[in-house]
């Protein structure tokens, strides 16, 4: 079952419960504007906590907590470089999900017709 399959057959059957739960968790993580902004930046580059906090204007402890939640939800990965930890969005699926949700919001805000 793939989102890019436009045959319609994929919508005839519910996905497995564990997949629905994982997707629901990921979407809950995106429901916070701060986490959404962080994940947007992490989709384009790696950041450490201090740089990300400065970029989004959120206190470092809060950024650390958000990153932990995003990591548990499978939306970000980390890379350790000595004592430094760098975070990044986890793969193309996350980037495409963000692009789609931001495009849908843009269409809603500006009255742009939906795509088929």
N, C-alpha and C. Protein backbone atom coordinates (compact mmCIF):
# COMPACT_ATOMS: atom_id res chain seq x y z
N UNK A 1 0.85 -1.18 0.00
CA UNK A 1 0.00 0.00 0.00
C UNK A 1 0.89 1.23 0.00
N UNK A 2 0.82 2.02 -1.05
CA UNK A 2 1.67 3.20 -1.18
C UNK A 2 0.84 4.42 -1.51
N UNK A 3 1.22 5.56 -0.93
CA UNK A 3 0.47 6.80 -1.13
C UNK A 3 0.50 7.27 -2.57
N UNK A 4 1.54 6.91 -3.32
CA UNK A 4 1.63 7.37 -4.70
C UNK A 4 0.86 6.49 -5.68
N UNK A 5 0.22 5.44 -5.19
CA UNK A 5 -0.61 4.57 -6.02
C UNK A 5 -1.98 5.21 -6.17
N UNK A 6 -2.29 5.73 -7.35
CA UNK A 6 -3.54 6.45 -7.58
C UNK A 6 -4.65 5.56 -8.12
N UNK A 7 -4.50 4.25 -8.04
CA UNK A 7 -5.49 3.36 -8.63
C UNK A 7 -6.82 3.35 -7.88
N UNK A 8 -6.85 3.79 -6.65
CA UNK A 8 -8.06 3.77 -5.86
C UNK A 8 -8.20 2.49 -5.05
N UNK A 9 -7.54 1.43 -5.47
CA UNK A 9 -7.64 0.15 -4.77
C UNK A 9 -7.07 0.24 -3.36
N UNK A 10 -6.08 1.06 -3.16
CA UNK A 10 -5.46 1.17 -1.83
C UNK A 10 -6.43 1.69 -0.78
N UNK A 11 -7.45 2.42 -1.19
CA UNK A 11 -8.40 3.02 -0.25
C UNK A 11 -9.55 2.08 0.10
N UNK A 12 -9.59 0.90 -0.49
CA UNK A 12 -10.69 -0.02 -0.27
C UNK A 12 -10.53 -0.85 1.01
N UNK A 13 -9.34 -0.82 1.59
CA UNK A 13 -9.06 -1.64 2.75
C UNK A 13 -8.29 -0.82 3.78
N UNK A 14 -8.65 -0.97 5.04
CA UNK A 14 -7.94 -0.23 6.10
C UNK A 14 -6.51 -0.75 6.25
N UNK A 15 -5.57 0.16 6.52
CA UNK A 15 -4.20 -0.29 6.78
C UNK A 15 -4.12 -1.01 8.14
N UNK A 16 -3.04 -1.74 8.38
CA UNK A 16 -2.88 -2.43 9.67
C UNK A 16 -2.90 -1.45 10.84
N UNK A 17 -3.39 -1.91 11.98
CA UNK A 17 -3.55 -1.05 13.16
C UNK A 17 -2.24 -0.43 13.62
N UNK A 18 -1.14 -1.18 13.57
CA UNK A 18 0.14 -0.62 14.02
C UNK A 18 0.62 0.49 13.09
N UNK A 19 0.31 0.37 11.81
CA UNK A 19 0.67 1.41 10.85
C UNK A 19 -0.16 2.67 11.10
N UNK A 20 -1.44 2.50 11.38
CA UNK A 20 -2.32 3.63 11.68
C UNK A 20 -1.84 4.34 12.95
N UNK A 21 -1.46 3.58 13.95
CA UNK A 21 -0.99 4.16 15.21
C UNK A 21 0.31 4.95 15.00
N UNK A 22 1.24 4.40 14.23
CA UNK A 22 2.50 5.11 13.96
C UNK A 22 2.24 6.38 13.17
N UNK A 23 1.33 6.33 12.21
CA UNK A 23 1.00 7.51 11.42
C UNK A 23 0.31 8.56 12.29
N UNK A 24 -0.58 8.13 13.17
CA UNK A 24 -1.25 9.07 14.07
C UNK A 24 -0.26 9.76 15.00
N UNK A 25 0.70 9.02 15.49
CA UNK A 25 1.74 9.60 16.35
C UNK A 25 2.54 10.64 15.58
N UNK A 26 2.93 10.32 14.36
CA UNK A 26 3.69 11.27 13.54
C UNK A 26 2.88 12.54 13.30
N UNK A 27 1.61 12.40 12.98
CA UNK A 27 0.77 13.57 12.73
C UNK A 27 0.56 14.40 13.99
N UNK A 28 0.46 13.76 15.15
CA UNK A 28 0.36 14.51 16.42
C UNK A 28 1.61 15.34 16.64
N UNK A 29 2.76 14.81 16.26
CA UNK A 29 4.01 15.56 16.43
C UNK A 29 4.01 16.81 15.54
N UNK A 30 3.36 16.74 14.40
CA UNK A 30 3.31 17.88 13.49
C UNK A 30 2.25 18.91 13.89
N UNK A 31 1.42 18.58 14.88
CA UNK A 31 0.35 19.48 15.29
C UNK A 31 0.86 20.66 16.11
N UNK A 32 2.11 20.65 16.51
CA UNK A 32 2.69 21.75 17.27
C UNK A 32 3.45 22.67 16.31
N UNK A 33 3.12 23.96 16.26
CA UNK A 33 3.79 24.87 15.31
C UNK A 33 5.31 24.92 15.48
N UNK A 34 5.78 24.86 16.70
CA UNK A 34 7.23 24.87 16.92
C UNK A 34 7.90 23.65 16.34
N UNK A 35 7.32 22.47 16.59
CA UNK A 35 7.90 21.25 16.02
C UNK A 35 7.81 21.25 14.51
N UNK A 36 6.72 21.79 13.97
CA UNK A 36 6.58 21.86 12.51
C UNK A 36 7.67 22.73 11.90
N UNK A 37 7.93 23.89 12.52
CA UNK A 37 9.00 24.77 12.02
C UNK A 37 10.37 24.10 12.14
N UNK A 38 10.60 23.43 13.27
CA UNK A 38 11.87 22.73 13.46
C UNK A 38 12.07 21.66 12.39
N UNK A 39 11.04 20.86 12.18
CA UNK A 39 11.15 19.77 11.21
C UNK A 39 11.33 20.31 9.80
N UNK A 40 10.71 21.46 9.52
CA UNK A 40 10.90 22.08 8.21
C UNK A 40 12.39 22.40 7.99
N UNK A 41 13.01 23.05 8.98
CA UNK A 41 14.43 23.38 8.86
C UNK A 41 15.29 22.12 8.80
N UNK A 42 14.94 21.12 9.59
CA UNK A 42 15.71 19.87 9.61
C UNK A 42 15.57 19.09 8.31
N UNK A 43 14.58 19.42 7.51
CA UNK A 43 14.43 18.77 6.21
C UNK A 43 15.45 19.28 5.20
N UNK A 44 16.00 20.46 5.47
CA UNK A 44 16.96 21.03 4.54
C UNK A 44 18.41 20.91 4.96
N UNK A 45 18.65 20.69 6.25
CA UNK A 45 20.03 20.66 6.73
C UNK A 45 20.07 20.05 8.12
N UNK A 46 21.27 19.73 8.58
CA UNK A 46 21.48 19.28 9.94
C UNK A 46 21.61 20.48 10.87
N UNK A 47 21.14 20.32 12.09
CA UNK A 47 21.26 21.36 13.11
C UNK A 47 21.63 20.72 14.44
N UNK A 48 22.39 21.45 15.24
CA UNK A 48 22.53 21.05 16.64
C UNK A 48 21.45 21.80 17.41
N UNK A 49 21.29 21.48 18.68
CA UNK A 49 20.20 22.05 19.48
C UNK A 49 20.30 23.57 19.54
N UNK A 50 21.50 24.08 19.80
CA UNK A 50 21.67 25.54 19.94
C UNK A 50 21.33 26.27 18.65
N UNK A 51 21.80 25.78 17.53
CA UNK A 51 21.53 26.43 16.24
C UNK A 51 20.05 26.37 15.90
N UNK A 52 19.44 25.24 16.18
CA UNK A 52 18.01 25.09 15.88
C UNK A 52 17.18 26.00 16.79
N UNK A 53 17.56 26.09 18.05
CA UNK A 53 16.85 26.97 18.99
C UNK A 53 16.93 28.41 18.53
N UNK A 54 18.09 28.83 18.08
CA UNK A 54 18.24 30.21 17.59
C UNK A 54 17.42 30.44 16.32
N UNK A 55 17.38 29.44 15.45
CA UNK A 55 16.68 29.59 14.17
C UNK A 55 15.17 29.69 14.34
N UNK A 56 14.61 28.96 15.31
CA UNK A 56 13.16 28.96 15.48
C UNK A 56 12.69 29.83 16.64
N UNK A 57 13.63 30.36 17.42
CA UNK A 57 13.26 31.25 18.52
C UNK A 57 12.60 30.54 19.69
N UNK A 58 13.05 29.34 19.97
CA UNK A 58 12.53 28.56 21.09
C UNK A 58 13.71 28.25 22.02
N UNK A 59 13.46 28.23 23.32
CA UNK A 59 14.51 27.95 24.29
C UNK A 59 15.14 26.58 24.07
N UNK A 60 16.43 26.49 24.33
CA UNK A 60 17.16 25.24 24.10
C UNK A 60 16.55 24.03 24.81
N UNK A 61 16.15 24.16 26.09
CA UNK A 61 15.55 22.97 26.73
C UNK A 61 14.27 22.50 26.03
N UNK A 62 13.47 23.45 25.57
CA UNK A 62 12.25 23.08 24.85
C UNK A 62 12.57 22.41 23.52
N UNK A 63 13.59 22.93 22.82
CA UNK A 63 14.01 22.33 21.55
C UNK A 63 14.47 20.89 21.80
N UNK A 64 15.23 20.68 22.85
CA UNK A 64 15.69 19.32 23.17
C UNK A 64 14.50 18.39 23.41
N UNK A 65 13.51 18.86 24.13
CA UNK A 65 12.32 18.03 24.38
C UNK A 65 11.56 17.74 23.09
N UNK A 66 11.41 18.75 22.25
CA UNK A 66 10.73 18.55 20.96
C UNK A 66 11.50 17.55 20.10
N UNK A 67 12.81 17.68 20.07
CA UNK A 67 13.62 16.76 19.26
C UNK A 67 13.49 15.32 19.77
N UNK A 68 13.44 15.15 21.07
CA UNK A 68 13.28 13.81 21.63
C UNK A 68 11.95 13.20 21.18
N UNK A 69 10.89 14.00 21.20
CA UNK A 69 9.58 13.51 20.75
C UNK A 69 9.59 13.19 19.27
N UNK A 70 10.19 14.08 18.47
CA UNK A 70 10.26 13.85 17.02
C UNK A 70 11.08 12.60 16.71
N UNK A 71 12.11 12.38 17.49
CA UNK A 71 12.95 11.19 17.28
C UNK A 71 12.18 9.93 17.64
N UNK A 72 11.47 9.95 18.77
CA UNK A 72 10.67 8.78 19.16
C UNK A 72 9.59 8.46 18.13
N UNK A 73 9.06 9.50 17.49
CA UNK A 73 8.03 9.30 16.45
C UNK A 73 8.63 8.87 15.12
N UNK A 74 9.96 8.80 15.03
CA UNK A 74 10.62 8.37 13.81
C UNK A 74 10.73 9.44 12.75
N UNK A 75 10.59 10.71 13.15
CA UNK A 75 10.61 11.80 12.18
C UNK A 75 11.98 12.45 12.03
N UNK A 76 12.85 12.30 13.02
CA UNK A 76 14.21 12.83 12.92
C UNK A 76 15.21 11.76 13.31
N UNK A 77 16.41 11.92 12.79
CA UNK A 77 17.52 11.05 13.16
C UNK A 77 18.63 11.94 13.70
N UNK A 78 19.58 11.32 14.35
CA UNK A 78 20.70 12.09 14.87
C UNK A 78 22.01 11.47 14.43
N UNK A 79 23.01 12.33 14.42
CA UNK A 79 24.37 11.92 14.10
C UNK A 79 25.28 12.53 15.16
N UNK A 80 26.05 11.68 15.81
CA UNK A 80 26.98 12.18 16.83
C UNK A 80 28.34 12.44 16.19
N UNK A 81 28.91 13.57 16.56
CA UNK A 81 30.24 13.96 16.09
C UNK A 81 31.02 14.40 17.32
N UNK A 82 31.67 13.43 17.96
CA UNK A 82 32.34 13.72 19.22
C UNK A 82 31.31 14.06 20.28
N UNK A 83 31.42 15.25 20.85
CA UNK A 83 30.47 15.69 21.88
C UNK A 83 29.26 16.39 21.29
N UNK A 84 29.25 16.57 19.99
CA UNK A 84 28.15 17.29 19.33
C UNK A 84 27.16 16.31 18.73
N UNK A 85 25.89 16.67 18.81
CA UNK A 85 24.83 15.87 18.21
C UNK A 85 24.13 16.73 17.17
N UNK A 86 24.00 16.18 15.97
CA UNK A 86 23.35 16.88 14.86
C UNK A 86 22.07 16.13 14.50
N UNK A 87 21.01 16.88 14.29
CA UNK A 87 19.70 16.32 13.96
C UNK A 87 19.33 16.65 12.53
N UNK A 88 18.53 15.77 11.93
CA UNK A 88 18.07 15.96 10.56
C UNK A 88 16.74 15.23 10.40
N UNK A 89 15.88 15.74 9.52
CA UNK A 89 14.64 15.03 9.21
C UNK A 89 14.99 13.67 8.63
N UNK A 90 14.17 12.70 8.92
CA UNK A 90 14.47 11.33 8.55
C UNK A 90 13.89 10.96 7.19
N UNK A 91 14.59 11.27 6.14
CA UNK A 91 14.27 10.77 4.82
C UNK A 91 13.24 11.54 4.01
N UNK A 92 13.07 11.08 2.79
CA UNK A 92 12.20 11.71 1.82
C UNK A 92 10.73 11.68 2.19
N UNK A 93 10.30 10.64 2.89
CA UNK A 93 8.89 10.57 3.28
C UNK A 93 8.53 11.75 4.18
N UNK A 94 9.40 12.07 5.12
CA UNK A 94 9.13 13.19 6.04
C UNK A 94 9.12 14.50 5.27
N UNK A 95 10.09 14.69 4.38
CA UNK A 95 10.13 15.93 3.58
C UNK A 95 8.89 16.07 2.71
N UNK A 96 8.46 14.98 2.08
CA UNK A 96 7.27 15.04 1.23
C UNK A 96 6.01 15.28 2.06
N UNK A 97 5.93 14.68 3.25
CA UNK A 97 4.79 14.92 4.14
C UNK A 97 4.71 16.39 4.51
N UNK A 98 5.84 16.98 4.87
CA UNK A 98 5.85 18.41 5.21
C UNK A 98 5.47 19.27 4.01
N UNK A 99 6.01 18.95 2.85
CA UNK A 99 5.69 19.73 1.65
C UNK A 99 4.19 19.65 1.36
N UNK A 100 3.62 18.47 1.47
CA UNK A 100 2.19 18.30 1.18
C UNK A 100 1.31 19.06 2.17
N UNK A 101 1.64 18.97 3.46
CA UNK A 101 0.81 19.65 4.45
C UNK A 101 0.94 21.16 4.31
N UNK A 102 2.12 21.66 3.98
CA UNK A 102 2.29 23.10 3.80
C UNK A 102 1.59 23.55 2.52
N UNK A 103 1.64 22.74 1.47
CA UNK A 103 0.92 23.08 0.24
C UNK A 103 -0.59 23.07 0.47
N UNK A 104 -1.08 22.10 1.22
CA UNK A 104 -2.52 22.05 1.53
C UNK A 104 -2.93 23.29 2.32
N UNK A 105 -2.09 23.70 3.28
CA UNK A 105 -2.39 24.90 4.07
C UNK A 105 -2.40 26.14 3.18
N UNK A 106 -1.45 26.22 2.25
CA UNK A 106 -1.39 27.36 1.33
C UNK A 106 -2.64 27.41 0.47
N UNK A 107 -3.08 26.27 -0.03
CA UNK A 107 -4.30 26.22 -0.85
C UNK A 107 -5.51 26.66 -0.03
N UNK A 108 -5.58 26.20 1.21
CA UNK A 108 -6.70 26.56 2.08
C UNK A 108 -6.71 28.06 2.37
N UNK A 109 -5.54 28.60 2.72
CA UNK A 109 -5.45 30.02 3.08
C UNK A 109 -5.74 30.95 1.92
N UNK A 110 -5.35 30.53 0.71
CA UNK A 110 -5.47 31.43 -0.44
C UNK A 110 -6.55 31.03 -1.43
N UNK A 111 -7.39 30.08 -1.06
CA UNK A 111 -8.50 29.68 -1.92
C UNK A 111 -8.07 29.04 -3.23
N UNK A 112 -6.91 28.41 -3.24
CA UNK A 112 -6.41 27.75 -4.45
C UNK A 112 -7.14 26.41 -4.59
N UNK A 113 -7.61 26.07 -5.77
CA UNK A 113 -8.32 24.79 -5.97
C UNK A 113 -7.43 23.59 -5.65
N UNK A 114 -8.06 22.52 -5.18
CA UNK A 114 -7.33 21.29 -4.89
C UNK A 114 -6.86 20.62 -6.17
N UNK A 115 -5.81 19.81 -6.04
CA UNK A 115 -5.32 18.99 -7.14
C UNK A 115 -6.04 17.66 -7.10
N UNK A 116 -6.10 17.00 -8.23
CA UNK A 116 -6.65 15.63 -8.24
C UNK A 116 -5.58 14.64 -7.94
